[in-house]
N, C-alpha and C. Protein backbone atom coordinates (compact mmCIF):
# COMPACT_ATOMS: atom_id res chain seq x y z
N UNK A 1 -23.08 40.35 -48.76
CA UNK A 1 -23.58 39.12 -48.18
C UNK A 1 -24.61 38.60 -49.08
N UNK A 2 -24.50 37.31 -49.45
CA UNK A 2 -25.49 36.69 -50.33
C UNK A 2 -26.83 36.47 -49.65
N UNK A 3 -27.85 36.48 -50.50
CA UNK A 3 -29.19 36.24 -49.96
C UNK A 3 -29.34 34.82 -49.69
N UNK A 4 -30.17 34.41 -48.78
CA UNK A 4 -30.36 33.04 -48.44
C UNK A 4 -31.84 32.70 -48.46
N UNK A 5 -32.14 31.37 -48.80
CA UNK A 5 -33.47 30.81 -48.74
C UNK A 5 -33.44 29.88 -47.61
N UNK A 6 -34.41 29.96 -46.70
CA UNK A 6 -34.48 29.02 -45.59
C UNK A 6 -35.51 27.92 -45.90
N UNK A 7 -35.08 26.71 -45.70
CA UNK A 7 -35.97 25.53 -45.96
C UNK A 7 -36.07 24.82 -44.65
N UNK A 8 -37.38 24.39 -44.37
CA UNK A 8 -37.63 23.64 -43.15
C UNK A 8 -38.28 22.31 -43.45
N UNK A 9 -37.85 21.28 -42.75
CA UNK A 9 -38.50 19.94 -42.91
C UNK A 9 -39.70 19.88 -42.06
N UNK A 10 -40.85 19.51 -42.60
CA UNK A 10 -42.10 19.45 -41.82
C UNK A 10 -42.06 18.53 -40.65
N UNK A 11 -41.51 17.41 -40.73
CA UNK A 11 -41.61 16.48 -39.64
C UNK A 11 -40.43 16.58 -38.63
N UNK A 12 -39.31 17.13 -39.08
CA UNK A 12 -38.18 17.33 -38.19
C UNK A 12 -38.09 18.82 -37.84
N UNK A 13 -37.54 19.16 -36.73
CA UNK A 13 -37.34 20.52 -36.33
C UNK A 13 -35.99 20.95 -36.89
N UNK A 14 -35.83 21.07 -38.15
CA UNK A 14 -34.59 21.38 -38.78
C UNK A 14 -34.84 22.42 -39.93
N UNK A 15 -34.02 23.46 -39.85
CA UNK A 15 -34.08 24.51 -40.87
C UNK A 15 -32.68 24.63 -41.43
N UNK A 16 -32.65 24.71 -42.78
CA UNK A 16 -31.33 24.81 -43.49
C UNK A 16 -31.39 26.09 -44.39
N UNK A 17 -30.31 26.85 -44.31
CA UNK A 17 -30.20 28.05 -45.08
C UNK A 17 -29.39 27.71 -46.34
N UNK A 18 -29.94 28.02 -47.52
CA UNK A 18 -29.29 27.77 -48.79
C UNK A 18 -29.04 29.13 -49.48
N UNK A 19 -27.79 29.41 -49.77
CA UNK A 19 -27.45 30.74 -50.43
C UNK A 19 -28.04 30.78 -51.81
N UNK A 20 -28.22 31.98 -52.34
CA UNK A 20 -28.64 32.09 -53.73
C UNK A 20 -27.51 32.73 -54.49
N UNK A 21 -27.60 32.63 -55.80
CA UNK A 21 -26.48 33.21 -56.62
C UNK A 21 -25.33 32.24 -56.85
N UNK A 22 -24.16 32.82 -57.09
CA UNK A 22 -23.03 32.02 -57.49
C UNK A 22 -22.49 31.27 -56.34
N UNK A 23 -22.07 30.06 -56.53
CA UNK A 23 -21.47 29.20 -55.47
C UNK A 23 -20.04 28.99 -55.80
N UNK A 24 -19.19 29.71 -55.03
CA UNK A 24 -17.78 29.49 -55.27
C UNK A 24 -17.27 28.12 -54.97
N UNK A 25 -17.91 27.51 -53.94
CA UNK A 25 -17.49 26.18 -53.50
C UNK A 25 -17.83 25.15 -54.69
N UNK A 26 -18.98 25.35 -55.30
CA UNK A 26 -19.32 24.44 -56.44
C UNK A 26 -18.41 24.63 -57.59
N UNK A 27 -18.06 25.93 -57.81
CA UNK A 27 -17.18 26.27 -58.94
C UNK A 27 -15.75 25.67 -58.77
N UNK A 28 -15.24 25.84 -57.58
CA UNK A 28 -13.82 25.40 -57.36
C UNK A 28 -13.69 23.88 -57.06
N UNK A 29 -14.72 23.35 -56.38
CA UNK A 29 -14.50 21.97 -55.98
C UNK A 29 -15.31 20.97 -56.79
N UNK A 30 -16.34 21.36 -57.54
CA UNK A 30 -17.04 20.47 -58.45
C UNK A 30 -17.72 19.33 -57.74
N UNK A 31 -17.19 18.07 -58.14
CA UNK A 31 -17.83 16.91 -57.56
C UNK A 31 -17.63 16.68 -56.13
N UNK A 32 -16.51 17.23 -55.59
CA UNK A 32 -16.23 17.17 -54.23
C UNK A 32 -17.31 17.97 -53.38
N UNK A 33 -17.65 19.07 -53.89
CA UNK A 33 -18.71 19.90 -53.30
C UNK A 33 -19.99 19.10 -53.21
N UNK A 34 -20.39 18.42 -54.34
CA UNK A 34 -21.66 17.69 -54.39
C UNK A 34 -21.51 16.54 -53.36
N UNK A 35 -20.44 15.86 -53.17
CA UNK A 35 -20.26 14.85 -52.18
C UNK A 35 -20.47 15.42 -50.84
N UNK A 36 -19.97 16.58 -50.53
CA UNK A 36 -20.12 17.19 -49.21
C UNK A 36 -21.53 17.53 -48.94
N UNK A 37 -22.35 17.82 -49.97
CA UNK A 37 -23.71 18.06 -49.84
C UNK A 37 -24.60 16.94 -49.91
N UNK A 38 -23.98 15.75 -50.04
CA UNK A 38 -24.71 14.50 -50.07
C UNK A 38 -25.59 14.33 -51.29
N UNK A 39 -25.14 14.87 -52.42
CA UNK A 39 -25.89 14.70 -53.69
C UNK A 39 -25.11 13.68 -54.53
N UNK A 40 -25.33 12.41 -54.31
CA UNK A 40 -24.51 11.37 -54.82
C UNK A 40 -24.56 11.26 -56.40
N UNK A 41 -25.78 11.34 -56.97
CA UNK A 41 -25.85 11.24 -58.38
C UNK A 41 -25.29 12.41 -59.12
N UNK A 42 -25.50 13.57 -58.60
CA UNK A 42 -24.86 14.76 -59.17
C UNK A 42 -23.38 14.64 -59.05
N UNK A 43 -22.84 14.16 -57.94
CA UNK A 43 -21.40 14.08 -57.82
C UNK A 43 -20.81 13.06 -58.83
N UNK A 44 -21.49 11.99 -59.12
CA UNK A 44 -21.08 11.00 -60.09
C UNK A 44 -21.06 11.68 -61.51
N UNK A 45 -22.17 12.40 -61.76
CA UNK A 45 -22.24 13.11 -63.10
C UNK A 45 -21.10 14.17 -63.28
N UNK A 46 -20.93 14.88 -62.18
CA UNK A 46 -19.85 15.95 -62.34
C UNK A 46 -18.45 15.25 -62.52
N UNK A 47 -18.21 14.18 -61.83
CA UNK A 47 -17.00 13.46 -61.96
C UNK A 47 -16.76 12.91 -63.34
N UNK A 48 -17.82 12.33 -63.92
CA UNK A 48 -17.71 11.83 -65.32
C UNK A 48 -17.45 12.95 -66.28
N UNK A 49 -18.18 14.11 -66.08
CA UNK A 49 -17.90 15.25 -66.98
C UNK A 49 -16.47 15.79 -66.84
N UNK A 50 -15.96 15.79 -65.59
CA UNK A 50 -14.56 16.27 -65.37
C UNK A 50 -13.61 15.26 -66.06
N UNK A 51 -13.88 14.00 -65.92
CA UNK A 51 -12.94 13.03 -66.61
C UNK A 51 -12.99 13.11 -68.13
N UNK A 52 -14.19 13.25 -68.65
CA UNK A 52 -14.25 13.43 -70.09
C UNK A 52 -13.51 14.60 -70.61
N UNK A 53 -13.73 15.78 -69.90
CA UNK A 53 -13.00 16.99 -70.25
C UNK A 53 -11.48 16.80 -70.11
N UNK A 54 -11.07 16.07 -69.15
CA UNK A 54 -9.63 15.78 -68.97
C UNK A 54 -9.08 14.90 -70.09
N UNK A 55 -9.88 13.97 -70.46
CA UNK A 55 -9.38 13.02 -71.64
C UNK A 55 -9.28 13.79 -72.95
N UNK A 56 -10.02 14.82 -73.09
CA UNK A 56 -9.89 15.63 -74.31
C UNK A 56 -8.48 16.22 -74.37
N UNK A 57 -7.93 16.57 -73.27
CA UNK A 57 -6.66 17.19 -73.17
C UNK A 57 -5.50 16.25 -73.52
N UNK A 58 -5.81 14.93 -73.53
CA UNK A 58 -4.75 13.89 -73.86
C UNK A 58 -4.55 13.79 -75.41
N UNK A 59 -5.45 14.39 -76.15
CA UNK A 59 -5.42 14.22 -77.62
C UNK A 59 -4.37 14.96 -78.34
N UNK A 60 -3.79 15.99 -77.69
CA UNK A 60 -2.70 16.76 -78.38
C UNK A 60 -2.68 18.21 -77.76
N UNK A 61 -1.75 18.94 -78.40
CA UNK A 61 -1.51 20.35 -77.89
C UNK A 61 -2.69 21.28 -78.03
N UNK A 62 -3.32 21.23 -79.18
CA UNK A 62 -4.49 22.10 -79.39
C UNK A 62 -5.72 21.60 -78.56
N UNK A 63 -5.79 20.30 -78.41
CA UNK A 63 -6.85 19.75 -77.61
C UNK A 63 -6.63 20.07 -76.12
N UNK A 64 -5.41 20.21 -75.72
CA UNK A 64 -5.04 20.62 -74.37
C UNK A 64 -5.66 22.03 -74.06
N UNK A 65 -5.57 22.90 -75.07
CA UNK A 65 -6.10 24.24 -74.83
C UNK A 65 -7.67 24.16 -74.75
N UNK A 66 -8.17 23.38 -75.66
CA UNK A 66 -9.70 23.18 -75.65
C UNK A 66 -10.08 22.60 -74.32
N UNK A 67 -9.37 21.70 -73.80
CA UNK A 67 -9.73 21.06 -72.51
C UNK A 67 -9.70 22.10 -71.42
N UNK A 68 -8.74 22.99 -71.41
CA UNK A 68 -8.55 24.04 -70.39
C UNK A 68 -9.75 24.94 -70.45
N UNK A 69 -10.09 25.41 -71.63
CA UNK A 69 -11.33 26.29 -71.88
C UNK A 69 -12.62 25.57 -71.40
N UNK A 70 -12.74 24.32 -71.81
CA UNK A 70 -13.97 23.59 -71.36
C UNK A 70 -13.96 23.39 -69.83
N UNK A 71 -12.83 23.19 -69.24
CA UNK A 71 -12.78 23.12 -67.75
C UNK A 71 -13.19 24.40 -67.05
N UNK A 72 -12.74 25.50 -67.58
CA UNK A 72 -13.18 26.78 -66.98
C UNK A 72 -14.62 27.04 -67.19
N UNK A 73 -15.14 26.75 -68.37
CA UNK A 73 -16.52 26.92 -68.65
C UNK A 73 -17.39 25.96 -67.76
N UNK A 74 -17.01 24.74 -67.60
CA UNK A 74 -17.74 23.80 -66.79
C UNK A 74 -17.72 24.18 -65.31
N UNK A 75 -16.54 24.73 -64.87
CA UNK A 75 -16.50 25.16 -63.45
C UNK A 75 -17.47 26.35 -63.21
N UNK A 76 -17.45 27.27 -64.22
CA UNK A 76 -18.37 28.39 -64.10
C UNK A 76 -19.91 27.98 -64.18
N UNK A 77 -20.17 26.99 -65.01
CA UNK A 77 -21.52 26.42 -64.98
C UNK A 77 -21.91 25.80 -63.66
N UNK A 78 -20.98 25.04 -63.06
CA UNK A 78 -21.26 24.47 -61.76
C UNK A 78 -21.47 25.54 -60.70
N UNK A 79 -20.70 26.61 -60.79
CA UNK A 79 -20.81 27.71 -59.81
C UNK A 79 -22.17 28.43 -59.97
N UNK A 80 -22.59 28.67 -61.28
CA UNK A 80 -23.87 29.38 -61.48
C UNK A 80 -25.09 28.52 -61.03
N UNK A 81 -24.94 27.16 -61.10
CA UNK A 81 -26.16 26.32 -60.77
C UNK A 81 -26.05 25.67 -59.43
N UNK A 82 -24.90 25.70 -58.71
CA UNK A 82 -24.68 24.87 -57.53
C UNK A 82 -25.72 25.10 -56.48
N UNK A 83 -26.04 26.35 -56.09
CA UNK A 83 -26.93 26.58 -55.06
C UNK A 83 -28.37 26.17 -55.44
N UNK A 84 -28.73 26.27 -56.70
CA UNK A 84 -30.07 25.86 -57.21
C UNK A 84 -30.15 24.38 -57.13
N UNK A 85 -29.09 23.67 -57.48
CA UNK A 85 -29.05 22.22 -57.35
C UNK A 85 -29.23 21.73 -55.94
N UNK A 86 -28.52 22.41 -54.97
CA UNK A 86 -28.64 22.09 -53.62
C UNK A 86 -30.08 22.28 -53.01
N UNK A 87 -30.63 23.49 -53.42
CA UNK A 87 -32.06 23.73 -53.04
C UNK A 87 -32.98 22.67 -53.54
N UNK A 88 -32.84 22.25 -54.81
CA UNK A 88 -33.83 21.28 -55.37
C UNK A 88 -33.66 20.01 -54.75
N UNK A 89 -32.37 19.58 -54.39
CA UNK A 89 -32.16 18.31 -53.71
C UNK A 89 -32.80 18.28 -52.40
N UNK A 90 -32.74 19.38 -51.65
CA UNK A 90 -33.40 19.47 -50.31
C UNK A 90 -34.93 19.46 -50.51
N UNK A 91 -35.46 20.12 -51.49
CA UNK A 91 -36.88 20.07 -51.68
C UNK A 91 -37.39 18.66 -52.04
N UNK A 92 -36.65 17.89 -52.78
CA UNK A 92 -36.97 16.48 -53.11
C UNK A 92 -37.00 15.70 -51.82
N UNK A 93 -36.23 16.08 -50.78
CA UNK A 93 -36.17 15.34 -49.55
C UNK A 93 -37.26 15.76 -48.60
N UNK A 94 -38.12 16.71 -49.02
CA UNK A 94 -39.27 17.11 -48.25
C UNK A 94 -39.21 18.49 -47.64
N UNK A 95 -38.08 19.14 -47.74
CA UNK A 95 -38.02 20.57 -47.23
C UNK A 95 -38.83 21.53 -47.99
N UNK A 96 -39.41 22.50 -47.23
CA UNK A 96 -40.28 23.45 -47.86
C UNK A 96 -39.68 24.80 -47.47
N UNK A 97 -39.80 25.85 -48.37
CA UNK A 97 -39.37 27.22 -48.03
C UNK A 97 -40.15 27.74 -46.89
N UNK A 98 -39.50 28.48 -46.04
CA UNK A 98 -40.07 29.11 -44.86
C UNK A 98 -40.47 30.54 -45.25
């Protein structure tokens, strides 16, 4: 079971649990995951990165392999950083660790 960090908003009676470690949802869903977490700018950046990696694959057969490798690496990068990005977004909204 992953560890969780609990964040509470000082003016609202709301506590949110954010997992730590690898985020499979961020890894597999990418920008859709960011949209579900209401991180609009991050979602746009992830979409642009996904599209750029996809366009690399259009350049030819060897570029197609490079695009696949970059896609896998980018998904792993999103998975490793997803929970941290979510926690930071909540902290910018005023949530504090409990």
